[in-house]
N, C-alpha and C. Protein backbone atom coordinates (compact mmCIF):
# COMPACT_ATOMS: atom_id res chain seq x y z
N MET A 1 66.91 7.23 65.01
CA MET A 1 66.11 8.42 64.97
C MET A 1 66.51 9.26 63.75
N LEU A 2 65.52 9.61 62.95
CA LEU A 2 65.78 10.43 61.77
C LEU A 2 65.63 11.90 62.11
N LEU A 3 66.54 12.69 61.62
CA LEU A 3 66.44 14.13 61.80
C LEU A 3 65.71 14.72 60.60
N PRO A 4 64.92 15.79 60.81
CA PRO A 4 64.24 16.41 59.67
C PRO A 4 65.26 16.98 58.70
N PRO A 5 64.96 16.93 57.40
CA PRO A 5 65.91 17.46 56.43
C PRO A 5 66.06 18.97 56.59
N SER A 6 67.24 19.43 56.28
CA SER A 6 67.47 20.87 56.38
C SER A 6 66.85 21.55 55.17
N PRO A 7 66.25 22.73 55.39
CA PRO A 7 65.65 23.43 54.27
C PRO A 7 66.70 23.87 53.26
N PRO A 8 66.33 24.00 52.01
CA PRO A 8 67.27 24.46 51.00
C PRO A 8 67.74 25.88 51.29
N SER A 9 68.73 26.31 50.55
CA SER A 9 69.28 27.65 50.77
C SER A 9 68.23 28.72 50.52
N ALA A 10 68.46 29.89 51.06
CA ALA A 10 67.49 30.97 50.99
C ALA A 10 67.25 31.45 49.56
N GLY A 11 68.16 31.20 48.64
CA GLY A 11 68.01 31.66 47.27
C GLY A 11 66.97 30.88 46.47
N THR A 12 66.34 29.89 47.07
CA THR A 12 65.37 29.06 46.36
C THR A 12 63.95 29.35 46.80
N GLY A 13 63.69 30.56 47.24
CA GLY A 13 62.44 30.97 47.84
C GLY A 13 61.14 30.44 47.26
N PRO A 14 60.71 30.87 46.08
CA PRO A 14 59.38 30.50 45.59
C PRO A 14 59.18 29.00 45.42
N LEU A 15 60.19 28.31 44.92
CA LEU A 15 60.07 26.87 44.71
C LEU A 15 59.95 26.14 46.05
N TRP A 16 60.72 26.57 47.04
CA TRP A 16 60.66 25.96 48.37
C TRP A 16 59.30 26.21 49.02
N ARG A 17 58.79 27.44 48.88
CA ARG A 17 57.47 27.75 49.45
C ARG A 17 56.37 26.91 48.82
N LYS A 18 56.44 26.70 47.52
CA LYS A 18 55.44 25.86 46.84
C LYS A 18 55.53 24.42 47.32
N ALA A 19 56.74 23.93 47.52
CA ALA A 19 56.92 22.57 48.03
C ALA A 19 56.32 22.44 49.43
N GLN A 20 56.50 23.47 50.25
CA GLN A 20 55.92 23.47 51.59
C GLN A 20 54.40 23.53 51.53
N GLU A 21 53.86 24.30 50.60
CA GLU A 21 52.41 24.36 50.43
C GLU A 21 51.84 22.99 50.04
N LEU A 22 52.54 22.30 49.16
CA LEU A 22 52.09 20.96 48.77
C LEU A 22 52.13 19.99 49.94
N GLU A 23 53.19 20.08 50.76
CA GLU A 23 53.26 19.22 51.94
C GLU A 23 52.12 19.54 52.91
N ALA A 24 51.84 20.82 53.09
CA ALA A 24 50.75 21.22 53.99
C ALA A 24 49.41 20.71 53.47
N SER A 25 49.19 20.78 52.16
CA SER A 25 47.94 20.26 51.58
C SER A 25 47.82 18.76 51.82
N PHE A 26 48.92 18.06 51.62
CA PHE A 26 48.93 16.62 51.84
C PHE A 26 48.62 16.30 53.31
N LEU A 27 49.26 17.01 54.22
CA LEU A 27 49.04 16.75 55.64
C LEU A 27 47.61 17.09 56.05
N ALA A 28 47.05 18.16 55.51
CA ALA A 28 45.66 18.52 55.82
C ALA A 28 44.71 17.41 55.37
N GLU A 29 44.99 16.85 54.21
CA GLU A 29 44.14 15.75 53.71
C GLU A 29 44.30 14.52 54.59
N MET A 30 45.51 14.24 55.04
CA MET A 30 45.73 13.10 55.92
C MET A 30 45.03 13.32 57.27
N LEU A 31 45.04 14.54 57.77
CA LEU A 31 44.33 14.84 59.01
C LEU A 31 42.83 14.65 58.83
N ARG A 32 42.32 15.00 57.66
CA ARG A 32 40.89 14.84 57.39
C ARG A 32 40.50 13.37 57.45
N HIS A 33 41.39 12.51 56.97
CA HIS A 33 41.09 11.08 56.94
C HIS A 33 41.56 10.34 58.19
N SER A 34 42.07 11.06 59.16
CA SER A 34 42.62 10.41 60.36
C SER A 34 41.55 9.90 61.31
N GLY A 35 40.31 10.26 61.06
CA GLY A 35 39.23 9.77 61.92
C GLY A 35 38.89 10.70 63.05
N SER A 36 39.57 11.82 63.16
CA SER A 36 39.24 12.77 64.21
C SER A 36 38.12 13.68 63.72
N GLY A 37 36.91 13.25 63.97
CA GLY A 37 35.74 13.98 63.50
C GLY A 37 35.24 14.96 64.53
N PRO A 38 34.02 15.46 64.34
CA PRO A 38 33.43 16.41 65.28
C PRO A 38 33.30 15.80 66.68
N LEU A 39 33.47 16.63 67.69
CA LEU A 39 33.35 16.17 69.07
C LEU A 39 31.90 15.92 69.43
N GLU A 40 31.67 14.95 70.26
CA GLU A 40 30.32 14.64 70.76
C GLU A 40 30.13 15.30 72.12
N GLY A 41 28.91 15.62 72.46
CA GLY A 41 28.61 16.12 73.79
C GLY A 41 28.70 17.63 73.90
N PRO A 42 28.77 18.12 75.15
CA PRO A 42 28.72 19.57 75.37
C PRO A 42 29.91 20.33 74.81
N GLY A 43 31.03 19.69 74.60
CA GLY A 43 32.21 20.37 74.05
C GLY A 43 32.23 20.40 72.54
N GLY A 44 31.27 19.71 71.93
CA GLY A 44 31.23 19.63 70.47
C GLY A 44 30.80 20.95 69.85
N GLY A 45 31.26 21.21 68.63
CA GLY A 45 30.98 22.46 67.96
C GLY A 45 29.78 22.44 67.05
N GLY A 46 29.09 21.29 66.96
CA GLY A 46 27.89 21.20 66.12
C GLY A 46 28.18 21.44 64.66
N ILE A 47 27.23 22.08 63.99
CA ILE A 47 27.37 22.28 62.56
C ILE A 47 28.53 23.21 62.21
N GLY A 48 28.82 24.16 63.09
CA GLY A 48 29.96 25.05 62.85
C GLY A 48 31.27 24.31 62.80
N GLU A 49 31.39 23.31 63.66
CA GLU A 49 32.61 22.51 63.67
C GLU A 49 32.75 21.74 62.36
N GLU A 50 31.66 21.23 61.86
CA GLU A 50 31.70 20.51 60.59
C GLU A 50 32.08 21.44 59.45
N GLN A 51 31.52 22.64 59.45
CA GLN A 51 31.75 23.57 58.35
C GLN A 51 33.14 24.20 58.37
N PHE A 52 33.68 24.44 59.56
CA PHE A 52 34.95 25.15 59.66
C PHE A 52 36.11 24.25 60.08
N GLY A 53 35.88 22.96 60.19
CA GLY A 53 36.94 22.03 60.57
C GLY A 53 38.10 22.03 59.59
N SER A 54 37.82 22.29 58.31
CA SER A 54 38.88 22.31 57.31
C SER A 54 39.89 23.42 57.60
N PHE A 55 39.41 24.56 58.12
CA PHE A 55 40.32 25.65 58.45
C PHE A 55 41.27 25.24 59.57
N LEU A 56 40.76 24.52 60.54
CA LEU A 56 41.59 24.04 61.64
C LEU A 56 42.63 23.05 61.13
N ARG A 57 42.19 22.11 60.28
CA ARG A 57 43.14 21.13 59.73
C ARG A 57 44.23 21.80 58.90
N GLU A 58 43.85 22.80 58.12
CA GLU A 58 44.85 23.52 57.32
C GLU A 58 45.85 24.25 58.22
N ALA A 59 45.37 24.88 59.27
CA ALA A 59 46.26 25.58 60.20
C ALA A 59 47.18 24.59 60.91
N GLN A 60 46.64 23.44 61.30
CA GLN A 60 47.47 22.41 61.94
C GLN A 60 48.54 21.90 60.97
N ALA A 61 48.15 21.67 59.73
CA ALA A 61 49.10 21.17 58.73
C ALA A 61 50.20 22.20 58.47
N GLU A 62 49.83 23.48 58.37
CA GLU A 62 50.85 24.52 58.16
C GLU A 62 51.80 24.60 59.35
N ALA A 63 51.27 24.45 60.55
CA ALA A 63 52.13 24.46 61.74
C ALA A 63 53.07 23.26 61.73
N MET A 64 52.59 22.12 61.29
CA MET A 64 53.43 20.93 61.20
C MET A 64 54.59 21.16 60.22
N VAL A 65 54.28 21.77 59.08
CA VAL A 65 55.32 22.03 58.08
C VAL A 65 56.34 23.02 58.62
N LYS A 66 55.88 24.06 59.30
CA LYS A 66 56.81 25.05 59.87
C LYS A 66 57.71 24.43 60.92
N ALA A 67 57.22 23.38 61.59
CA ALA A 67 58.00 22.71 62.63
C ALA A 67 58.93 21.65 62.05
N GLY A 68 58.96 21.51 60.74
CA GLY A 68 59.85 20.54 60.12
C GLY A 68 59.14 19.54 59.25
N GLY A 69 57.84 19.40 59.44
CA GLY A 69 57.04 18.51 58.59
C GLY A 69 57.49 17.07 58.64
N ILE A 70 57.17 16.36 57.58
CA ILE A 70 57.53 14.94 57.48
C ILE A 70 58.60 14.71 56.41
N GLY A 71 59.13 15.79 55.86
CA GLY A 71 60.18 15.67 54.86
C GLY A 71 59.68 15.64 53.43
N LEU A 72 58.38 15.70 53.24
CA LEU A 72 57.83 15.64 51.90
C LEU A 72 58.20 16.88 51.09
N ALA A 73 58.20 18.05 51.71
CA ALA A 73 58.56 19.28 51.00
C ALA A 73 59.99 19.19 50.46
N GLU A 74 60.86 18.62 51.23
CA GLU A 74 62.26 18.45 50.79
C GLU A 74 62.33 17.60 49.52
N HIS A 75 61.60 16.50 49.51
CA HIS A 75 61.61 15.61 48.34
C HIS A 75 60.97 16.29 47.12
N ILE A 76 59.87 16.98 47.35
CA ILE A 76 59.20 17.70 46.27
C ILE A 76 60.14 18.77 45.72
N PHE A 77 60.76 19.51 46.61
CA PHE A 77 61.68 20.58 46.19
C PHE A 77 62.82 20.02 45.35
N ARG A 78 63.45 18.97 45.85
CA ARG A 78 64.59 18.38 45.12
C ARG A 78 64.16 17.89 43.74
N SER A 79 63.00 17.29 43.65
CA SER A 79 62.49 16.80 42.38
C SER A 79 62.22 17.96 41.41
N LEU A 80 61.57 19.02 41.90
CA LEU A 80 61.29 20.17 41.05
C LEU A 80 62.57 20.88 40.63
N GLU A 81 63.50 20.97 41.55
CA GLU A 81 64.78 21.61 41.26
C GLU A 81 65.54 20.85 40.18
N GLN A 82 65.55 19.53 40.30
CA GLN A 82 66.23 18.70 39.31
C GLN A 82 65.53 18.80 37.95
N ARG A 83 64.22 18.83 37.96
CA ARG A 83 63.46 18.94 36.72
C ARG A 83 63.70 20.28 36.03
N ALA A 84 63.88 21.33 36.84
CA ALA A 84 64.12 22.67 36.28
C ALA A 84 65.48 22.77 35.61
N ARG A 85 66.43 21.98 36.06
CA ARG A 85 67.78 22.00 35.49
C ARG A 85 67.85 21.31 34.14
N THR A 86 66.95 20.38 33.90
CA THR A 86 67.02 19.61 32.64
C THR A 86 66.21 20.22 31.54
């Protein structure tokens, strides 16, 4: 069992937040392609669901990142941090 990576120290604020934003964007795109489309039948949201589904996916992706994500933000952060040093 893999544990989620620990977030960088608090002194790395803006770079860490950008890495988290990139992870959330990636996850939102993966959710879009996951095949979970509009609901059929009486519980379906119709055209509104199609138009506003992206907002739901973005909120879900942000919640996933806040809960630890998939570790992509950690890798992005480390890469950007290393690049900034050189």
